[in-house]
C-alpha atoms as a PDB file:
ATOM      1  CA  MET A   1     -35.323   6.339 -28.400  1.00  0.00           C
ATOM      2  CA  ALA A   2     -33.199   5.237 -25.431  1.00  0.00           C
ATOM      3  CA  TYR A   3     -29.722   3.793 -24.903  1.00  0.00           C
ATOM      4  CA  SER A   4     -30.963   0.217 -25.128  1.00  0.00           C
ATOM      5  CA  GLU A   5     -32.293   0.790 -28.646  1.00  0.00           C
ATOM      6  CA  PHE A   6     -28.902   1.589 -30.184  1.00  0.00           C
ATOM      7  CA  ASP A   7     -26.963  -0.928 -32.207  1.00  0.00           C
ATOM      8  CA  VAL A   8     -23.473  -0.164 -33.519  1.00  0.00           C
ATOM      9  CA  LEU A   9     -24.628   1.111 -36.909  1.00  0.00           C
ATOM     10  CA  GLY A  10     -27.297   3.280 -35.292  1.00  0.00           C
ATOM     11  CA  ALA A  11     -24.745   4.758 -32.881  1.00  0.00           C
ATOM     12  CA  GLU A  12     -22.379   5.583 -35.732  1.00  0.00           C
ATOM     13  CA  THR A  13     -25.130   7.108 -37.874  1.00  0.00           C
ATOM     14  CA  ARG A  14     -27.045   9.040 -35.210  1.00  0.00           C
ATOM     15  CA  LEU A  15     -24.171  10.070 -32.948  1.00  0.00           C
ATOM     16  CA  GLY A  16     -21.430  10.756 -35.483  1.00  0.00           C
ATOM     17  CA  VAL A  17     -18.877   8.307 -34.097  1.00  0.00           C
ATOM     18  CA  GLN A  18     -16.855   5.569 -35.771  1.00  0.00           C
ATOM     19  CA  VAL A  19     -16.238   2.205 -34.109  1.00  0.00           C
ATOM     20  CA  LEU A  20     -12.864   0.684 -34.984  1.00  0.00           C
ATOM     21  CA  LEU A  21     -11.088  -2.445 -33.821  1.00  0.00           C
ATOM     22  CA  GLY A  22      -7.864  -1.827 -31.902  1.00  0.00           C
ATOM     23  CA  SER A  23      -6.120  -1.960 -28.551  1.00  0.00           C
ATOM     24  CA  VAL A  24      -7.910  -0.117 -25.772  1.00  0.00           C
ATOM     25  CA  PHE A  25      -5.148  -0.493 -23.191  1.00  0.00           C
ATOM     26  CA  PRO A  26      -1.359  -0.767 -23.182  1.00  0.00           C
ATOM     27  CA  PRO A  27      -0.011  -4.153 -22.040  1.00  0.00           C
ATOM     28  CA  LEU A  28      -1.387  -4.710 -18.545  1.00  0.00           C
ATOM     29  CA  ALA A  29       0.111  -6.752 -15.748  1.00  0.00           C
ATOM     30  CA  PRO A  30      -2.538  -8.400 -13.556  1.00  0.00           C
ATOM     31  CA  THR A  31      -3.342  -6.567 -10.343  1.00  0.00           C
ATOM     32  CA  PRO A  32      -3.110  -8.685  -7.175  1.00  0.00           C
ATOM     33  CA  VAL A  33      -6.660  -9.731  -6.374  1.00  0.00           C
ATOM     34  CA  PRO A  34      -7.877  -8.976  -2.836  1.00  0.00           C
ATOM     35  CA  ALA A  35      -8.510 -12.161  -0.868  1.00  0.00           C
ATOM     36  CA  TRP A  36     -12.069 -11.086  -0.080  1.00  0.00           C
ATOM     37  CA  LEU A  37     -12.863 -10.734  -3.804  1.00  0.00           C
ATOM     38  CA  THR A  38     -11.401 -14.142  -4.643  1.00  0.00           C
ATOM     39  CA  ASP A  39     -13.498 -15.682  -1.872  1.00  0.00           C
ATOM     40  CA  LEU A  40     -16.670 -13.842  -2.878  1.00  0.00           C
ATOM     41  CA  LEU A  41     -16.371 -14.769  -6.554  1.00  0.00           C
ATOM     42  CA  ALA A  42     -15.714 -18.391  -5.588  1.00  0.00           C
ATOM     43  CA  ARG A  43     -18.838 -18.414  -3.436  1.00  0.00           C
ATOM     44  CA  GLY A  44     -20.859 -16.830  -6.223  1.00  0.00           C
ATOM     45  CA  SER A  45     -19.654 -19.411  -8.743  1.00  0.00           C
ATOM     46  CA  GLN A  46     -21.346 -22.099  -6.674  1.00  0.00           C
ATOM     47  CA  LEU A  47     -24.727 -20.492  -7.307  1.00  0.00           C
ATOM     48  CA  ARG A  48     -26.880 -20.404 -10.410  1.00  0.00           C
ATOM     49  CA  VAL A  49     -25.793 -16.995 -11.667  1.00  0.00           C
ATOM     50  CA  GLU A  50     -27.960 -16.706 -14.764  1.00  0.00           C
ATOM     51  CA  SER A  51     -30.135 -13.619 -14.430  1.00  0.00           C
ATOM     52  CA  GLU A  52     -28.824 -10.117 -15.028  1.00  0.00           C
ATOM     53  CA  LYS A  53     -29.674  -9.172 -11.451  1.00  0.00           C
ATOM     54  CA  ALA A  54     -27.722 -12.136 -10.050  1.00  0.00           C
ATOM     55  CA  ARG A  55     -24.677 -11.418 -12.230  1.00  0.00           C
ATOM     56  CA  ASN A  56     -24.715  -7.809 -11.044  1.00  0.00           C
ATOM     57  CA  GLU A  57     -24.899  -8.813  -7.402  1.00  0.00           C
ATOM     58  CA  PHE A  58     -22.475 -11.739  -7.309  1.00  0.00           C
ATOM     59  CA  ILE A  59     -19.904 -10.901  -9.997  1.00  0.00           C
ATOM     60  CA  VAL A  60     -19.949  -7.374 -11.410  1.00  0.00           C
ATOM     61  CA  ALA A  61     -20.611  -5.336  -8.261  1.00  0.00           C
ATOM     62  CA  PRO A  62     -17.877  -7.069  -6.199  1.00  0.00           C
ATOM     63  CA  ILE A  63     -15.317  -6.446  -8.951  1.00  0.00           C
ATOM     64  CA  LEU A  64     -16.272  -2.769  -9.108  1.00  0.00           C
ATOM     65  CA  LEU A  65     -16.060  -2.492  -5.327  1.00  0.00           C
ATOM     66  CA  ALA A  66     -12.539  -3.902  -5.556  1.00  0.00           C
ATOM     67  CA  VAL A  67     -11.694  -1.279  -8.183  1.00  0.00           C
ATOM     68  CA  ARG A  68     -12.887   1.429  -5.818  1.00  0.00           C
ATOM     69  CA  GLU A  69     -10.873  -0.027  -2.942  1.00  0.00           C
ATOM     70  CA  LEU A  70      -7.682  -0.498  -4.989  1.00  0.00           C
ATOM     71  CA  SER A  71      -7.951   3.030  -6.409  1.00  0.00           C
ATOM     72  CA  GLY A  72      -7.986   4.483  -2.913  1.00  0.00           C
ATOM     73  CA  ASN A  73     -11.672   5.398  -3.301  1.00  0.00           C
ATOM     74  CA  ALA A  74     -10.856   7.516  -6.337  1.00  0.00           C
ATOM     75  CA  VAL A  75     -14.127   6.486  -7.997  1.00  0.00           C
ATOM     76  CA  THR A  76     -17.788   6.532  -7.069  1.00  0.00           C
ATOM     77  CA  ILE A  77     -20.053   3.749  -8.342  1.00  0.00           C
ATOM     78  CA  PHE A  78     -23.587   4.431  -9.555  1.00  0.00           C
ATOM     79  CA  SER A  79     -25.964   1.575 -10.383  1.00  0.00           C
ATOM     80  CA  GLY A  80     -29.302   1.830 -12.169  1.00  0.00           C
ATOM     81  CA  GLU A  81     -29.207   5.630 -12.304  1.00  0.00           C
ATOM     82  CA  ASN A  82     -31.103   7.716 -14.841  1.00  0.00           C
ATOM     83  CA  PHE A  83     -28.585   9.392 -17.122  1.00  0.00           C
ATOM     84  CA  ASP A  84     -30.644  11.663 -19.366  1.00  0.00           C
ATOM     85  CA  ILE A  85     -28.266  13.815 -21.412  1.00  0.00           C
ATOM     86  CA  ASP A  86     -30.010  14.503 -24.727  1.00  0.00           C
ATOM     87  CA  ARG A  87     -33.439  12.974 -25.298  1.00  0.00           C
ATOM     88  CA  THR A  88     -33.641  14.260 -28.868  1.00  0.00           C
ATOM     89  CA  ALA A  89     -30.502  12.267 -29.709  1.00  0.00           C
ATOM     90  CA  GLY A  90     -31.714   9.179 -27.859  1.00  0.00           C
ATOM     91  CA  LEU A  91     -29.184   9.655 -25.062  1.00  0.00           C
ATOM     92  CA  SER A  92     -31.520   8.891 -22.191  1.00  0.00           C
ATOM     93  CA  GLY A  93     -32.437   6.076 -19.876  1.00  0.00           C
ATOM     94  CA  GLU A  94     -30.811   4.078 -17.112  1.00  0.00           C
ATOM     95  CA  VAL A  95     -27.192   2.971 -16.964  1.00  0.00           C
ATOM     96  CA  ASP A  96     -26.341  -0.413 -15.450  1.00  0.00           C
ATOM     97  CA  PHE A  97     -23.175   0.929 -13.852  1.00  0.00           C
ATOM     98  CA  LEU A  98     -21.389   4.259 -14.095  1.00  0.00           C
ATOM     99  CA  LEU A  99     -18.018   5.025 -12.525  1.00  0.00           C
ATOM    100  CA  THR A 100     -17.162   8.643 -11.838  1.00  0.00           C
ATOM    101  CA  LEU A 101     -14.124  10.328 -10.367  1.00  0.00           C
ATOM    102  CA  SER A 102     -14.755  10.964  -6.690  1.00  0.00           C
ATOM    103  CA  PRO A 103     -14.650  14.619  -5.614  1.00  0.00           C
ATOM    104  CA  GLN A 104     -11.975  15.518  -3.089  1.00  0.00           C
ATOM    105  CA  ALA A 105     -14.446  17.044  -0.626  1.00  0.00           C
ATOM    106  CA  PRO A 106     -17.588  15.297   0.676  1.00  0.00           C
ATOM    107  CA  VAL A 107     -20.554  16.282  -1.487  1.00  0.00           C
ATOM    108  CA  LEU A 108     -24.005  15.012  -2.312  1.00  0.00           C
ATOM    109  CA  PRO A 109     -23.903  11.687  -4.216  1.00  0.00           C
ATOM    110  CA  VAL A 110     -24.803  12.946  -7.677  1.00  0.00           C
ATOM    111  CA  ILE A 111     -23.157  12.009 -10.959  1.00  0.00           C
ATOM    112  CA  ARG A 112     -19.964  13.960 -11.615  1.00  0.00           C
ATOM    113  CA  SER A 113     -17.037  13.296 -13.967  1.00  0.00           C
ATOM    114  CA  PRO A 114     -18.105   9.963 -15.518  1.00  0.00           C
ATOM    115  CA  VAL A 115     -15.119   7.986 -16.791  1.00  0.00           C
ATOM    116  CA  PHE A 116     -16.477   4.448 -17.236  1.00  0.00           C
ATOM    117  CA  VAL A 117     -19.847   3.087 -18.346  1.00  0.00           C
ATOM    118  CA  MET A 118     -20.796  -0.561 -18.044  1.00  0.00           C
ATOM    119  CA  VAL A 119     -23.534  -2.486 -19.809  1.00  0.00           C
ATOM    120  CA  GLU A 120     -24.782  -5.854 -18.609  1.00  0.00           C
ATOM    121  CA  ALA A 121     -25.183  -7.961 -21.762  1.00  0.00           C
ATOM    122  CA  LYS A 122     -28.734  -9.149 -22.331  1.00  0.00           C
ATOM    123  CA  ARG A 123     -29.210 -12.853 -23.068  1.00  0.00           C
ATOM    124  CA  GLN A 124     -25.433 -13.334 -22.731  1.00  0.00           C
ATOM    125  CA  ASP A 125     -24.988 -11.381 -26.003  1.00  0.00           C
ATOM    126  CA  ILE A 126     -21.867  -9.211 -25.751  1.00  0.00           C
ATOM    127  CA  ALA A 127     -22.044  -7.968 -29.355  1.00  0.00           C
ATOM    128  CA  GLY A 128     -25.663  -6.943 -28.903  1.00  0.00           C
ATOM    129  CA  GLY A 129     -24.710  -4.592 -26.060  1.00  0.00           C
ATOM    130  CA  VAL A 130     -21.930  -2.706 -27.837  1.00  0.00           C
ATOM    131  CA  GLY A 131     -24.219  -0.143 -29.492  1.00  0.00           C
ATOM    132  CA  GLN A 132     -25.853   0.647 -26.153  1.00  0.00           C
ATOM    133  CA  CYS A 133     -22.439   1.006 -24.538  1.00  0.00           C
ATOM    134  CA  VAL A 134     -21.228   3.349 -27.282  1.00  0.00           C
ATOM    135  CA  ALA A 135     -24.327   5.537 -26.835  1.00  0.00           C
ATOM    136  CA  GLN A 136     -23.746   5.764 -23.091  1.00  0.00           C
ATOM    137  CA  MET A 137     -20.076   6.593 -23.644  1.00  0.00           C
ATOM    138  CA  VAL A 138     -21.058   9.447 -25.971  1.00  0.00           C
ATOM    139  CA  ALA A 139     -23.514  10.662 -23.326  1.00  0.00           C
ATOM    140  CA  ALA A 140     -20.747  10.606 -20.711  1.00  0.00           C
ATOM    141  CA  GLN A 141     -18.457  12.507 -23.070  1.00  0.00           C
ATOM    142  CA  ARG A 142     -21.093  15.207 -23.619  1.00  0.00           C
ATOM    143  CA  PHE A 143     -21.716  15.393 -19.879  1.00  0.00           C
ATOM    144  CA  ASN A 144     -18.004  15.968 -19.274  1.00  0.00           C
ATOM    145  CA  ASP A 145     -17.789  18.557 -22.057  1.00  0.00           C
ATOM    146  CA  ARG A 146     -20.641  20.532 -20.520  1.00  0.00           C
ATOM    147  CA  ASN A 147     -19.119  20.371 -17.063  1.00  0.00           C
ATOM    148  CA  GLY A 148     -15.607  21.605 -17.789  1.00  0.00           C
ATOM    149  CA  ARG A 149     -13.815  18.288 -18.423  1.00  0.00           C
ATOM    150  CA  PRO A 150     -13.402  18.220 -22.208  1.00  0.00           C
ATOM    151  CA  ASN A 151     -10.133  16.269 -21.960  1.00  0.00           C
ATOM    152  CA  ALA A 152     -11.624  13.357 -20.015  1.00  0.00           C
ATOM    153  CA  ARG A 153     -11.289   9.961 -21.677  1.00  0.00           C
ATOM    154  CA  VAL A 154     -14.368   7.784 -21.454  1.00  0.00           C
ATOM    155  CA  TYR A 155     -14.134   4.000 -21.319  1.00  0.00           C
ATOM    156  CA  GLY A 156     -16.840   1.405 -21.636  1.00  0.00           C
ATOM    157  CA  CYS A 157     -17.420  -2.266 -21.021  1.00  0.00           C
ATOM    158  CA  VAL A 158     -20.047  -4.825 -21.965  1.00  0.00           C
ATOM    159  CA  THR A 159     -20.043  -7.882 -19.743  1.00  0.00           C
ATOM    160  CA  THR A 160     -21.838 -11.138 -19.099  1.00  0.00           C
ATOM    161  CA  GLY A 161     -19.966 -11.439 -15.816  1.00  0.00           C
ATOM    162  CA  GLU A 162     -17.822 -14.145 -17.413  1.00  0.00           C
ATOM    163  CA  ASP A 163     -16.774 -12.253 -20.576  1.00  0.00           C
ATOM    164  CA  TRP A 164     -15.652  -8.614 -20.509  1.00  0.00           C
ATOM    165  CA  GLN A 165     -15.458  -6.512 -23.701  1.00  0.00           C
ATOM    166  CA  PHE A 166     -13.784  -3.103 -23.336  1.00  0.00           C
ATOM    167  CA  LEU A 167     -14.058   0.074 -25.422  1.00  0.00           C
ATOM    168  CA  ARG A 168     -12.562   3.575 -25.346  1.00  0.00           C
ATOM    169  CA  LEU A 169     -13.899   6.855 -26.747  1.00  0.00           C
ATOM    170  CA  ASP A 170     -11.503   9.512 -28.065  1.00  0.00           C
ATOM    171  CA  GLY A 171     -13.229  12.414 -29.793  1.00  0.00           C
ATOM    172  CA  ALA A 172     -15.412  10.738 -32.408  1.00  0.00           C
ATOM    173  CA  ILE A 173     -13.474   7.449 -32.479  1.00  0.00           C
ATOM    174  CA  VAL A 174     -14.519   4.428 -30.439  1.00  0.00           C
ATOM    175  CA  THR A 175     -11.820   1.794 -30.115  1.00  0.00           C
ATOM    176  CA  HIS A 176     -13.303  -1.691 -29.757  1.00  0.00           C
ATOM    177  CA  GLU A 177     -10.824  -4.071 -28.125  1.00  0.00           C
ATOM    178  CA  THR A 178      -9.987  -7.009 -30.385  1.00  0.00           C
ATOM    179  CA  THR A 179      -9.782  -9.487 -27.519  1.00  0.00           C
ATOM    180  CA  ARG A 180     -11.980 -10.046 -24.504  1.00  0.00           C
ATOM    181  CA  MET A 181     -11.061 -10.564 -20.891  1.00  0.00           C
ATOM    182  CA  TYR A 182     -12.536 -13.296 -18.749  1.00  0.00           C
ATOM    183  CA  ARG A 183     -13.509 -13.686 -15.123  1.00  0.00           C
ATOM    184  CA  ASN A 184     -10.795 -16.307 -14.529  1.00  0.00           C
ATOM    185  CA  ASP A 185      -8.300 -13.501 -15.221  1.00  0.00           C
ATOM    186  CA  VAL A 186      -9.879 -11.034 -12.803  1.00  0.00           C
ATOM    187  CA  GLY A 187      -6.497  -9.478 -11.978  1.00  0.00           C
ATOM    188  CA  ARG A 188      -6.256  -8.194 -15.545  1.00  0.00           C
ATOM    189  CA  ILE A 189      -9.846  -6.933 -15.444  1.00  0.00           C
ATOM    190  CA  LEU A 190      -8.969  -4.948 -12.322  1.00  0.00           C
ATOM    191  CA  SER A 191      -5.885  -3.558 -14.088  1.00  0.00           C
ATOM    192  CA  ALA A 192      -8.023  -2.370 -17.010  1.00  0.00           C
ATOM    193  CA  PHE A 193     -10.341  -0.421 -14.724  1.00  0.00           C
ATOM    194  CA  LEU A 194      -7.490   0.994 -12.662  1.00  0.00           C
ATOM    195  CA  HIS A 195      -5.663   2.149 -15.797  1.00  0.00           C
ATOM    196  CA  ALA A 196      -8.748   4.113 -16.867  1.00  0.00           C
ATOM    197  CA  VAL A 197      -9.262   5.600 -13.399  1.00  0.00           C
ATOM    198  CA  ASN A 198      -5.620   6.574 -12.946  1.00  0.00           C
ATOM    199  CA  GLU A 199      -5.397   8.067 -16.415  1.00  0.00           C
ATOM    200  CA  ASN A 200      -8.448  10.249 -15.843  1.00  0.00           C
ATOM    201  CA  ALA A 201      -7.315  11.265 -12.373  1.00  0.00           C
ATOM    202  CA  ALA A 202      -4.040  12.468 -13.906  1.00  0.00           C
ATOM    203  CA  LEU A 203      -5.887  14.374 -16.640  1.00  0.00           C
ATOM    204  CA  ALA A 204      -8.132  16.021 -14.048  1.00  0.00           C
ATOM    205  CA  ALA A 205      -5.120  17.105 -12.013  1.00  0.00           C
ATOM    206  CA  ALA A 206      -3.209  18.503 -14.997  1.00  0.00           C
END
């Protein structure tokens, strides 16, 4: 079994978590959007952005690069990496995107301190990607536990590029945001990512 084979019920049953509707973030004011990101997204919108690869290249990756820039390079972005944590539990396979806290000193680019996992929705089906996202969040939580960061808070997101569905993992509880964000409100999407990054940076420094 791999991440992509999990649905919500399977994640709850096999991984011992509970998925509940709620608010993932406090009220967020939109973050000013860098001019380069506005321009790049506008250019991308003129293309036929239908495949998963195209959405990653023209929508998702630029937004994540803006998150890295706005956070002062506090996060490292991994794309398409193998993230094998526990094969017996089905926690293995590739992650679409994984954001980790950046180490203070230059080190080899390996996964450390994951704080955000992102799943590209298949066939534009957000709901169908939630189970996979939950499984990857649990894997990130176990990775952090094993590497001395048991207090880290793991966030997740399933996106079509246009629609963005956020989640948060606390212990064995996954909070599933009741409302989605949309690409035309990219400033709020940036704020959601920055909230998660800043919160985890503060926890790591405590």
